Amino acid sequence: MILEVAMLHVRPHLVEEFEDSFRQASKIITQMKGYIQHQLQKCLEEESKYILLVQWETLEDHTEGFRGSEEYQAWKKLLHHYYDPFPVVEHYENVELG
């Protein structure tokens, strides 16, 4: 399992609109191959800051499958204009501790 992590800085005057658009966009991502689950968390200290966490079966399911799809174009159209600056997306894997 791969965890996609994106810190989202939303233009402050567009927070409510962003959350509505994200609800729509969530329907897109949940249909993608390799998708496991996702969550959007809102920062308590900065109301226009969010963290997006998405679990994928493989890195390629996100970087090639989703990002290379027509569905990603719809996701992008719904969400990308809200961000300033554009988010850095990183991928993590679990560290076995025992």
PDB file of N, CA and C in Angstrom:
ATOM      1  N   MET A   1       0.853  -1.175   0.000  1.00  0.00           N
ATOM      2  CA  MET A   1       0.000   0.000   0.000  1.00  0.00           C
ATOM      3  C   MET A   1       0.892   1.229   0.000  1.00  0.00           C
ATOM      4  N   ILE A   2       0.517   2.206  -0.802  1.00  0.00           N
ATOM      5  CA  ILE A   2       1.225   3.481  -0.908  1.00  0.00           C
ATOM      6  C   ILE A   2       0.296   4.579  -0.398  1.00  0.00           C
ATOM      7  N   LEU A   3       0.848   5.504   0.369  1.00  0.00           N
ATOM      8  CA  LEU A   3       0.083   6.640   0.867  1.00  0.00           C
ATOM      9  C   LEU A   3       0.520   7.891   0.126  1.00  0.00           C
ATOM     10  N   GLU A   4      -0.416   8.475  -0.591  1.00  0.00           N
ATOM     11  CA  GLU A   4      -0.198   9.763  -1.249  1.00  0.00           C
ATOM     12  C   GLU A   4      -0.542  10.854  -0.241  1.00  0.00           C
ATOM     13  N   VAL A   5       0.345  11.837  -0.096  1.00  0.00           N
ATOM     14  CA  VAL A   5       0.143  12.936   0.843  1.00  0.00           C
ATOM     15  C   VAL A   5       0.302  14.255   0.094  1.00  0.00           C
ATOM     16  N   ALA A   6      -0.714  15.109   0.186  1.00  0.00           N
ATOM     17  CA  ALA A   6      -0.647  16.419  -0.456  1.00  0.00           C
ATOM     18  C   ALA A   6      -1.131  17.482   0.521  1.00  0.00           C
ATOM     19  N   MET A   7      -0.307  18.490   0.732  1.00  0.00           N
ATOM     20  CA  MET A   7      -0.693  19.646   1.535  1.00  0.00           C
ATOM     21  C   MET A   7      -1.357  20.636   0.577  1.00  0.00           C
ATOM     22  N   LEU A   8      -2.605  20.965   0.859  1.00  0.00           N
ATOM     23  CA  LEU A   8      -3.381  21.822  -0.031  1.00  0.00           C
ATOM     24  C   LEU A   8      -3.590  23.191   0.612  1.00  0.00           C
ATOM     25  N   HIS A   9      -3.095  24.212  -0.038  1.00  0.00           N
ATOM     26  CA  HIS A   9      -3.320  25.592   0.398  1.00  0.00           C
ATOM     27  C   HIS A   9      -4.373  26.183  -0.540  1.00  0.00           C
ATOM     28  N   VAL A  10      -5.558  26.347  -0.017  1.00  0.00           N
ATOM     29  CA  VAL A  10      -6.698  26.820  -0.805  1.00  0.00           C
ATOM     30  C   VAL A  10      -6.800  28.339  -0.661  1.00  0.00           C
ATOM     31  N   ARG A  11      -7.138  28.997  -1.746  1.00  0.00           N
ATOM     32  CA  ARG A  11      -7.336  30.451  -1.681  1.00  0.00           C
ATOM     33  C   ARG A  11      -8.417  30.716  -0.630  1.00  0.00           C
ATOM     34  N   PRO A  12      -8.110  31.531   0.396  1.00  0.00           N
ATOM     35  CA  PRO A  12      -9.003  31.682   1.559  1.00  0.00           C
ATOM     36  C   PRO A  12     -10.456  32.021   1.234  1.00  0.00           C
ATOM     37  N   HIS A  13     -10.695  32.825   0.240  1.00  0.00           N
ATOM     38  CA  HIS A  13     -12.074  33.218  -0.075  1.00  0.00           C
ATOM     39  C   HIS A  13     -12.846  32.127  -0.832  1.00  0.00           C
ATOM     40  N   LEU A  14     -12.167  31.001  -1.122  1.00  0.00           N
ATOM     41  CA  LEU A  14     -12.806  29.929  -1.894  1.00  0.00           C
ATOM     42  C   LEU A  14     -12.966  28.623  -1.108  1.00  0.00           C
ATOM     43  N   VAL A  15     -12.794  28.680   0.203  1.00  0.00           N
ATOM     44  CA  VAL A  15     -12.817  27.468   1.028  1.00  0.00           C
ATOM     45  C   VAL A  15     -14.124  26.686   0.893  1.00  0.00           C
ATOM     46  N   GLU A  16     -15.253  27.330   1.037  1.00  0.00           N
ATOM     47  CA  GLU A  16     -16.541  26.616   0.957  1.00  0.00           C
ATOM     48  C   GLU A  16     -16.748  26.018  -0.434  1.00  0.00           C
ATOM     49  N   GLU A  17     -16.435  26.792  -1.443  1.00  0.00           N
ATOM     50  CA  GLU A  17     -16.569  26.318  -2.823  1.00  0.00           C
ATOM     51  C   GLU A  17     -15.639  25.121  -3.067  1.00  0.00           C
ATOM     52  N   PHE A  18     -14.423  25.195  -2.538  1.00  0.00           N
ATOM     53  CA  PHE A  18     -13.472  24.090  -2.669  1.00  0.00           C
ATOM     54  C   PHE A  18     -14.041  22.806  -2.057  1.00  0.00           C
ATOM     55  N   GLU A  19     -14.582  22.905  -0.860  1.00  0.00           N
ATOM     56  CA  GLU A  19     -15.111  21.710  -0.199  1.00  0.00           C
ATOM     57  C   GLU A  19     -16.261  21.100  -1.010  1.00  0.00           C
ATOM     58  N   ASP A  20     -17.107  21.921  -1.594  1.00  0.00           N
ATOM     59  CA  ASP A  20     -18.182  21.410  -2.456  1.00  0.00           C
ATOM     60  C   ASP A  20     -17.600  20.707  -3.681  1.00  0.00           C
ATOM     61  N   SER A  21     -16.608  21.329  -4.303  1.00  0.00           N
ATOM     62  CA  SER A  21     -15.972  20.724  -5.477  1.00  0.00           C
ATOM     63  C   SER A  21     -15.250  19.440  -5.109  1.00  0.00           C
ATOM     64  N   PHE A  22     -14.646  19.401  -3.926  1.00  0.00           N
ATOM     65  CA  PHE A  22     -13.941  18.191  -3.512  1.00  0.00           C
ATOM     66  C   PHE A  22     -14.914  17.035  -3.321  1.00  0.00           C
ATOM     67  N   ARG A  23     -16.095  17.325  -2.824  1.00  0.00           N
ATOM     68  CA  ARG A  23     -17.115  16.260  -2.689  1.00  0.00           C
ATOM     69  C   ARG A  23     -17.418  15.643  -4.056  1.00  0.00           C
ATOM     70  N   GLN A  24     -17.513  16.488  -5.074  1.00  0.00           N
ATOM     71  CA  GLN A  24     -17.749  15.989  -6.432  1.00  0.00           C
ATOM     72  C   GLN A  24     -16.549  15.184  -6.932  1.00  0.00           C
ATOM     73  N   ALA A  25     -15.351  15.720  -6.688  1.00  0.00           N
ATOM     74  CA  ALA A  25     -14.125  15.069  -7.153  1.00  0.00           C
ATOM     75  C   ALA A  25     -13.910  13.716  -6.471  1.00  0.00           C
ATOM     76  N   SER A  26     -14.381  13.596  -5.242  1.00  0.00           N
ATOM     77  CA  SER A  26     -14.227  12.328  -4.518  1.00  0.00           C
ATOM     78  C   SER A  26     -14.893  11.178  -5.257  1.00  0.00           C
ATOM     79  N   LYS A  27     -15.986  11.465  -5.936  1.00  0.00           N
ATOM     80  CA  LYS A  27     -16.687  10.427  -6.698  1.00  0.00           C
ATOM     81  C   LYS A  27     -15.833   9.928  -7.861  1.00  0.00           C
ATOM     82  N   ILE A  28     -14.959  10.780  -8.357  1.00  0.00           N
ATOM     83  CA  ILE A  28     -14.080  10.403  -9.466  1.00  0.00           C
ATOM     84  C   ILE A  28     -12.994   9.450  -8.971  1.00  0.00           C
ATOM     85  N   ILE A  29     -12.290   9.857  -7.926  1.00  0.00           N
ATOM     86  CA  ILE A  29     -11.121   9.085  -7.485  1.00  0.00           C
ATOM     87  C   ILE A  29     -11.503   7.711  -6.957  1.00  0.00           C
ATOM     88  N   THR A  30     -12.671   7.601  -6.347  1.00  0.00           N
ATOM     89  CA  THR A  30     -13.062   6.312  -5.766  1.00  0.00           C
ATOM     90  C   THR A  30     -13.295   5.229  -6.821  1.00  0.00           C
ATOM     91  N   GLN A  31     -13.431   5.626  -8.066  1.00  0.00           N
ATOM     92  CA  GLN A  31     -13.679   4.666  -9.145  1.00  0.00           C
ATOM     93  C   GLN A  31     -12.398   4.178  -9.825  1.00  0.00           C
ATOM     94  N   MET A  32     -11.246   4.696  -9.402  1.00  0.00           N
ATOM     95  CA  MET A  32      -9.997   4.406 -10.101  1.00  0.00           C
ATOM     96  C   MET A  32      -9.381   3.076  -9.681  1.00  0.00           C
ATOM     97  N   LYS A  33      -8.729   2.427 -10.636  1.00  0.00           N
ATOM     98  CA  LYS A  33      -8.032   1.169 -10.370  1.00  0.00           C
ATOM     99  C   LYS A  33      -6.947   1.422  -9.314  1.00  0.00           C
ATOM    100  N   GLY A  34      -6.886   0.563  -8.328  1.00  0.00           N
ATOM    101  CA  GLY A  34      -5.854   0.649  -7.307  1.00  0.00           C
ATOM    102  C   GLY A  34      -6.193   1.566  -6.142  1.00  0.00           C
ATOM    103  N   TYR A  35      -7.297   2.296  -6.260  1.00  0.00           N
ATOM    104  CA  TYR A  35      -7.717   3.177  -5.169  1.00  0.00           C
ATOM    105  C   TYR A  35      -8.170   2.329  -3.985  1.00  0.00           C
ATOM    106  N   ILE A  36      -7.750   2.721  -2.766  1.00  0.00           N
ATOM    107  CA  ILE A  36      -8.187   2.030  -1.555  1.00  0.00           C
ATOM    108  C   ILE A  36      -9.113   2.935  -0.740  1.00  0.00           C
ATOM    109  N   GLN A  37      -8.627   4.087  -0.343  1.00  0.00           N
ATOM    110  CA  GLN A  37      -9.458   5.047   0.400  1.00  0.00           C
ATOM    111  C   GLN A  37      -8.762   6.399   0.429  1.00  0.00           C
ATOM    112  N   HIS A  38      -9.524   7.418   0.815  1.00  0.00           N
ATOM    113  CA  HIS A  38      -8.927   8.742   0.951  1.00  0.00           C
ATOM    114  C   HIS A  38      -9.637   9.524   2.055  1.00  0.00           C
ATOM    115  N   GLN A  39      -8.959  10.573   2.495  1.00  0.00           N
ATOM    116  CA  GLN A  39      -9.569  11.492   3.442  1.00  0.00           C
ATOM    117  C   GLN A  39      -8.980  12.885   3.233  1.00  0.00           C
ATOM    118  N   LEU A  40      -9.806  13.859   3.498  1.00  0.00           N
ATOM    119  CA  LEU A  40      -9.405  15.252   3.438  1.00  0.00           C
ATOM    120  C   LEU A  40      -9.527  15.806   4.850  1.00  0.00           C
ATOM    121  N   GLN A  41      -8.433  16.313   5.381  1.00  0.00           N
ATOM    122  CA  GLN A  41      -8.411  16.862   6.731  1.00  0.00           C
ATOM    123  C   GLN A  41      -8.196  18.368   6.644  1.00  0.00           C
ATOM    124  N   LYS A  42      -8.950  19.121   7.444  1.00  0.00           N
ATOM    125  CA  LYS A  42      -8.831  20.577   7.472  1.00  0.00           C
ATOM    126  C   LYS A  42      -8.002  20.994   8.684  1.00  0.00           C
ATOM    127  N   CYS A  43      -7.081  21.897   8.476  1.00  0.00           N
ATOM    128  CA  CYS A  43      -6.207  22.385   9.539  1.00  0.00           C
ATOM    129  C   CYS A  43      -7.000  23.243  10.529  1.00  0.00           C
ATOM    130  N   LEU A  44      -6.749  23.042  11.797  1.00  0.00           N
ATOM    131  CA  LEU A  44      -7.422  23.829  12.828  1.00  0.00           C
ATOM    132  C   LEU A  44      -6.803  25.214  12.985  1.00  0.00           C
ATOM    133  N   GLU A  45      -5.520  25.327  12.718  1.00  0.00           N
ATOM    134  CA  GLU A  45      -4.841  26.618  12.886  1.00  0.00           C
ATOM    135  C   GLU A  45      -4.986  27.529  11.673  1.00  0.00           C
ATOM    136  N   GLU A  46      -5.073  26.949  10.494  1.00  0.00           N
ATOM    137  CA  GLU A  46      -5.211  27.738   9.258  1.00  0.00           C
ATOM    138  C   GLU A  46      -6.402  27.190   8.475  1.00  0.00           C
ATOM    139  N   GLU A  47      -7.508  27.906   8.468  1.00  0.00           N
ATOM    140  CA  GLU A  47      -8.748  27.353   7.910  1.00  0.00           C
ATOM    141  C   GLU A  47      -8.720  27.102   6.413  1.00  0.00           C
ATOM    142  N   SER A  48      -7.747  27.636   5.703  1.00  0.00           N
ATOM    143  CA  SER A  48      -7.685  27.394   4.264  1.00  0.00           C
ATOM    144  C   SER A  48      -6.607  26.364   3.900  1.00  0.00           C
ATOM    145  N   LYS A  49      -6.121  25.640   4.887  1.00  0.00           N
ATOM    146  CA  LYS A  49      -5.088  24.630   4.674  1.00  0.00           C
ATOM    147  C   LYS A  49      -5.681  23.244   4.945  1.00  0.00           C
ATOM    148  N   TYR A  50      -5.393  22.319   4.040  1.00  0.00           N
ATOM    149  CA  TYR A  50      -5.912  20.957   4.131  1.00  0.00           C
ATOM    150  C   TYR A  50      -4.771  19.978   3.877  1.00  0.00           C
ATOM    151  N   ILE A  51      -4.990  18.744   4.313  1.00  0.00           N
ATOM    152  CA  ILE A  51      -4.098  17.662   3.917  1.00  0.00           C
ATOM    153  C   ILE A  51      -4.962  16.579   3.288  1.00  0.00           C
ATOM    154  N   LEU A  52      -4.522  16.118   2.128  1.00  0.00           N
ATOM    155  CA  LEU A  52      -5.209  15.043   1.415  1.00  0.00           C
ATOM    156  C   LEU A  52      -4.367  13.782   1.556  1.00  0.00           C
ATOM    157  N   LEU A  53      -4.994  12.716   2.023  1.00  0.00           N
ATOM    158  CA  LEU A  53      -4.346  11.418   2.177  1.00  0.00           C
ATOM    159  C   LEU A  53      -5.099  10.408   1.316  1.00  0.00           C
ATOM    160  N   VAL A  54      -4.383   9.766   0.404  1.00  0.00           N
ATOM    161  CA  VAL A  54      -5.007   8.778  -0.467  1.00  0.00           C
ATOM    162  C   VAL A  54      -4.186   7.498  -0.410  1.00  0.00           C
ATOM    163  N   GLN A  55      -4.847   6.387  -0.170  1.00  0.00           N
ATOM    164  CA  GLN A  55      -4.172   5.092  -0.190  1.00  0.00           C
ATOM    165  C   GLN A  55      -4.393   4.438  -1.551  1.00  0.00           C
ATOM    166  N   TRP A  56      -3.297   4.001  -2.127  1.00  0.00           N
ATOM    167  CA  TRP A  56      -3.291   3.312  -3.423  1.00  0.00           C
ATOM    168  C   TRP A  56      -2.642   1.944  -3.247  1.00  0.00           C
ATOM    169  N   GLU A  57      -3.028   1.004  -4.081  1.00  0.00           N
ATOM    170  CA  GLU A  57      -2.389  -0.312  -4.041  1.00  0.00           C
ATOM    171  C   GLU A  57      -0.927  -0.214  -4.449  1.00  0.00           C
ATOM    172  N   THR A  58      -0.626   0.556  -5.518  1.00  0.00           N
ATOM    173  CA  THR A  58       0.752   0.727  -5.979  1.00  0.00           C
ATOM    174  C   THR A  58       0.997   2.196  -6.327  1.00  0.00           C
ATOM    175  N   LEU A  59       2.248   2.572  -6.388  1.00  0.00           N
ATOM    176  CA  LEU A  59       2.623   3.919  -6.803  1.00  0.00           C
ATOM    177  C   LEU A  59       2.123   4.206  -8.214  1.00  0.00           C
ATOM    178  N   GLU A  60       2.252   3.228  -9.081  1.00  0.00           N
ATOM    179  CA  GLU A  60       1.843   3.393 -10.480  1.00  0.00           C
ATOM    180  C   GLU A  60       0.339   3.592 -10.635  1.00  0.00           C
ATOM    181  N   ASP A  61      -0.448   3.023  -9.721  1.00  0.00           N
ATOM    182  CA  ASP A  61      -1.896   3.253  -9.779  1.00  0.00           C
ATOM    183  C   ASP A  61      -2.200   4.742  -9.687  1.00  0.00           C
ATOM    184  N   HIS A  62      -1.397   5.470  -8.923  1.00  0.00           N
ATOM    185  CA  HIS A  62      -1.594   6.921  -8.820  1.00  0.00           C
ATOM    186  C   HIS A  62      -0.884   7.655  -9.943  1.00  0.00           C
ATOM    187  N   THR A  63       0.437   7.447 -10.059  1.00  0.00           N
ATOM    188  CA  THR A  63       1.247   8.276 -10.949  1.00  0.00           C
ATOM    189  C   THR A  63       0.997   8.024 -12.427  1.00  0.00           C
ATOM    190  N   GLU A  64       0.660   6.803 -12.790  1.00  0.00           N
ATOM    191  CA  GLU A  64       0.417   6.482 -14.197  1.00  0.00           C
ATOM    192  C   GLU A  64      -1.067   6.274 -14.481  1.00  0.00           C
ATOM    193  N   GLY A  65      -1.702   5.417 -13.662  1.00  0.00           N
ATOM    194  CA  GLY A  65      -3.107   5.101 -13.899  1.00  0.00           C
ATOM    195  C   GLY A  65      -4.025   6.305 -13.735  1.00  0.00           C
ATOM    196  N   PHE A  66      -4.037   6.895 -12.549  1.00  0.00           N
ATOM    197  CA  PHE A  66      -4.929   8.024 -12.302  1.00  0.00           C
ATOM    198  C   PHE A  66      -4.483   9.264 -13.063  1.00  0.00           C
ATOM    199  N   ARG A  67      -3.236   9.643 -12.885  1.00  0.00           N
ATOM    200  CA  ARG A  67      -2.767  10.883 -13.524  1.00  0.00           C
ATOM    201  C   ARG A  67      -2.766  10.812 -15.043  1.00  0.00           C
ATOM    202  N   GLY A  68      -2.736   9.635 -15.590  1.00  0.00           N
ATOM    203  CA  GLY A  68      -2.750   9.486 -17.048  1.00  0.00           C
ATOM    204  C   GLY A  68      -4.139   9.288 -17.619  1.00  0.00           C
ATOM    205  N   SER A  69      -5.150   9.403 -16.795  1.00  0.00           N
ATOM    206  CA  SER A  69      -6.513   9.073 -17.223  1.00  0.00           C
ATOM    207  C   SER A  69      -7.341  10.310 -17.598  1.00  0.00           C
ATOM    208  N   GLU A  70      -8.430  10.051 -18.302  1.00  0.00           N
ATOM    209  CA  GLU A  70      -9.406  11.107 -18.601  1.00  0.00           C
ATOM    210  C   GLU A  70     -10.060  11.592 -17.309  1.00  0.00           C
ATOM    211  N   GLU A  71     -10.245  10.681 -16.361  1.00  0.00           N
ATOM    212  CA  GLU A  71     -10.846  11.048 -15.078  1.00  0.00           C
ATOM    213  C   GLU A  71     -10.002  12.097 -14.344  1.00  0.00           C
ATOM    214  N   TYR A  72      -8.678  11.989 -14.493  1.00  0.00           N
ATOM    215  CA  TYR A  72      -7.801  12.968 -13.854  1.00  0.00           C
ATOM    216  C   TYR A  72      -8.041  14.366 -14.433  1.00  0.00           C
ATOM    217  N   GLN A  73      -8.341  14.444 -15.710  1.00  0.00           N
ATOM    218  CA  GLN A  73      -8.619  15.747 -16.328  1.00  0.00           C
ATOM    219  C   GLN A  73      -9.860  16.382 -15.690  1.00  0.00           C
ATOM    220  N   ALA A  74     -10.857  15.570 -15.384  1.00  0.00           N
ATOM    221  CA  ALA A  74     -12.061  16.079 -14.703  1.00  0.00           C
ATOM    222  C   ALA A  74     -11.719  16.506 -13.274  1.00  0.00           C
ATOM    223  N   TRP A  75     -10.918  15.711 -12.573  1.00  0.00           N
ATOM    224  CA  TRP A  75     -10.453  16.036 -11.220  1.00  0.00           C
ATOM    225  C   TRP A  75      -9.709  17.372 -11.236  1.00  0.00           C
ATOM    226  N   LYS A  76      -8.803  17.492 -12.178  1.00  0.00           N
ATOM    227  CA  LYS A  76      -7.992  18.702 -12.324  1.00  0.00           C
ATOM    228  C   LYS A  76      -8.867  19.933 -12.580  1.00  0.00           C
ATOM    229  N   LYS A  77      -9.842  19.788 -13.445  1.00  0.00           N
ATOM    230  CA  LYS A  77     -10.745  20.899 -13.771  1.00  0.00           C
ATOM    231  C   LYS A  77     -11.556  21.327 -12.545  1.00  0.00           C
ATOM    232  N   LEU A  78     -11.961  20.363 -11.728  1.00  0.00           N
ATOM    233  CA  LEU A  78     -12.741  20.661 -10.521  1.00  0.00           C
ATOM    234  C   LEU A  78     -11.916  21.342  -9.427  1.00  0.00           C
ATOM    235  N   LEU A  79     -10.630  20.978  -9.304  1.00  0.00           N
ATOM    236  CA  LEU A  79      -9.891  21.350  -8.098  1.00  0.00           C
ATOM    237  C   LEU A  79      -8.674  22.252  -8.266  1.00  0.00           C
ATOM    238  N   HIS A  80      -7.959  22.144  -9.357  1.00  0.00           N
ATOM    239  CA  HIS A  80      -6.642  22.775  -9.410  1.00  0.00           C
ATOM    240  C   HIS A  80      -6.655  24.296  -9.330  1.00  0.00           C
ATOM    241  N   HIS A  81      -7.710  24.934  -9.695  1.00  0.00           N
ATOM    242  CA  HIS A  81      -7.750  26.402  -9.657  1.00  0.00           C
ATOM    243  C   HIS A  81      -7.904  26.959  -8.240  1.00  0.00           C
ATOM    244  N   TYR A  82      -8.145  26.098  -7.257  1.00  0.00           N
ATOM    245  CA  TYR A  82      -8.294  26.553  -5.872  1.00  0.00           C
ATOM    246  C   TYR A  82      -6.953  26.735  -5.155  1.00  0.00           C
ATOM    247  N   TYR A  83      -5.892  26.133  -5.659  1.00  0.00           N
ATOM    248  CA  TYR A  83      -4.642  26.050  -4.918  1.00  0.00           C
ATOM    249  C   TYR A  83      -3.703  27.230  -5.181  1.00  0.00           C
ATOM    250  N   ASP A  84      -3.095  27.718  -4.095  1.00  0.00           N
ATOM    251  CA  ASP A  84      -2.063  28.745  -4.197  1.00  0.00           C
ATOM    252  C   ASP A  84      -1.189  28.673  -2.959  1.00  0.00           C
ATOM    253  N   PRO A  85       0.018  28.119  -3.089  1.00  0.00           N
ATOM    254  CA  PRO A  85       0.662  27.602  -4.299  1.00  0.00           C
ATOM    255  C   PRO A  85       0.143  26.208  -4.648  1.00  0.00           C
ATOM    256  N   PHE A  86       0.553  25.725  -5.809  1.00  0.00           N
ATOM    257  CA  PHE A  86       0.155  24.392  -6.228  1.00  0.00           C
ATOM    258  C   PHE A  86       0.803  23.372  -5.290  1.00  0.00           C
ATOM    259  N   PRO A  87       0.065  22.353  -4.862  1.00  0.00           N
ATOM    260  CA  PRO A  87       0.592  21.418  -3.858  1.00  0.00           C
ATOM    261  C   PRO A  87       1.726  20.526  -4.354  1.00  0.00           C
ATOM    262  N   VAL A  88       2.604  20.219  -3.430  1.00  0.00           N
ATOM    263  CA  VAL A  88       3.608  19.181  -3.645  1.00  0.00           C
ATOM    264  C   VAL A  88       2.967  17.879  -3.193  1.00  0.00           C
ATOM    265  N   VAL A  89       3.080  16.861  -4.016  1.00  0.00           N
ATOM    266  CA  VAL A  89       2.509  15.548  -3.689  1.00  0.00           C
ATOM    267  C   VAL A  89       3.662  14.585  -3.444  1.00  0.00           C
ATOM    268  N   GLU A  90       3.598  13.883  -2.315  1.00  0.00           N
ATOM    269  CA  GLU A  90       4.620  12.904  -1.978  1.00  0.00           C
ATOM    270  C   GLU A  90       3.961  11.557  -1.725  1.00  0.00           C
ATOM    271  N   HIS A  91       4.775  10.512  -1.816  1.00  0.00           N
ATOM    272  CA  HIS A  91       4.284   9.149  -1.627  1.00  0.00           C
ATOM    273  C   HIS A  91       5.096   8.460  -0.531  1.00  0.00           C
ATOM    274  N   TYR A  92       4.406   7.718   0.312  1.00  0.00           N
ATOM    275  CA  TYR A  92       5.030   7.062   1.454  1.00  0.00           C
ATOM    276  C   TYR A  92       4.641   5.591   1.484  1.00  0.00           C
ATOM    277  N   GLU A  93       5.545   4.812   2.078  1.00  0.00           N
ATOM    278  CA  GLU A  93       5.225   3.403   2.330  1.00  0.00           C
ATOM    279  C   GLU A  93       5.485   3.104   3.789  1.00  0.00           C
ATOM    280  N   ASN A  94       4.793   2.110   4.294  1.00  0.00           N
ATOM    281  CA  ASN A  94       4.869   1.732   5.706  1.00  0.00           C
ATOM    282  C   ASN A  94       6.260   1.184   6.035  1.00  0.00           C
ATOM    283  N   VAL A  95       6.752   1.526   7.209  1.00  0.00           N
ATOM    284  CA  VAL A  95       8.000   0.987   7.723  1.00  0.00           C
ATOM    285  C   VAL A  95       7.634  -0.119   8.711  1.00  0.00           C
ATOM    286  N   GLU A  96       8.122  -1.316   8.450  1.00  0.00           N
ATOM    287  CA  GLU A  96       7.873  -2.434   9.368  1.00  0.00           C
ATOM    288  C   GLU A  96       8.715  -2.236  10.616  1.00  0.00           C
ATOM    289  N   LEU A  97       8.081  -2.194  11.771  1.00  0.00           N
ATOM    290  CA  LEU A  97       8.785  -1.887  13.024  1.00  0.00           C
ATOM    291  C   LEU A  97       8.932  -3.098  13.948  1.00  0.00           C
ATOM    292  N   GLY A  98       8.503  -4.241  13.507  1.00  0.00           N
ATOM    293  CA  GLY A  98       8.597  -5.357  14.427  1.00  0.00           C
ATOM    294  C   GLY A  98       8.874  -6.665  13.786  1.00  0.00           C
TER     295      GLY A  98
END
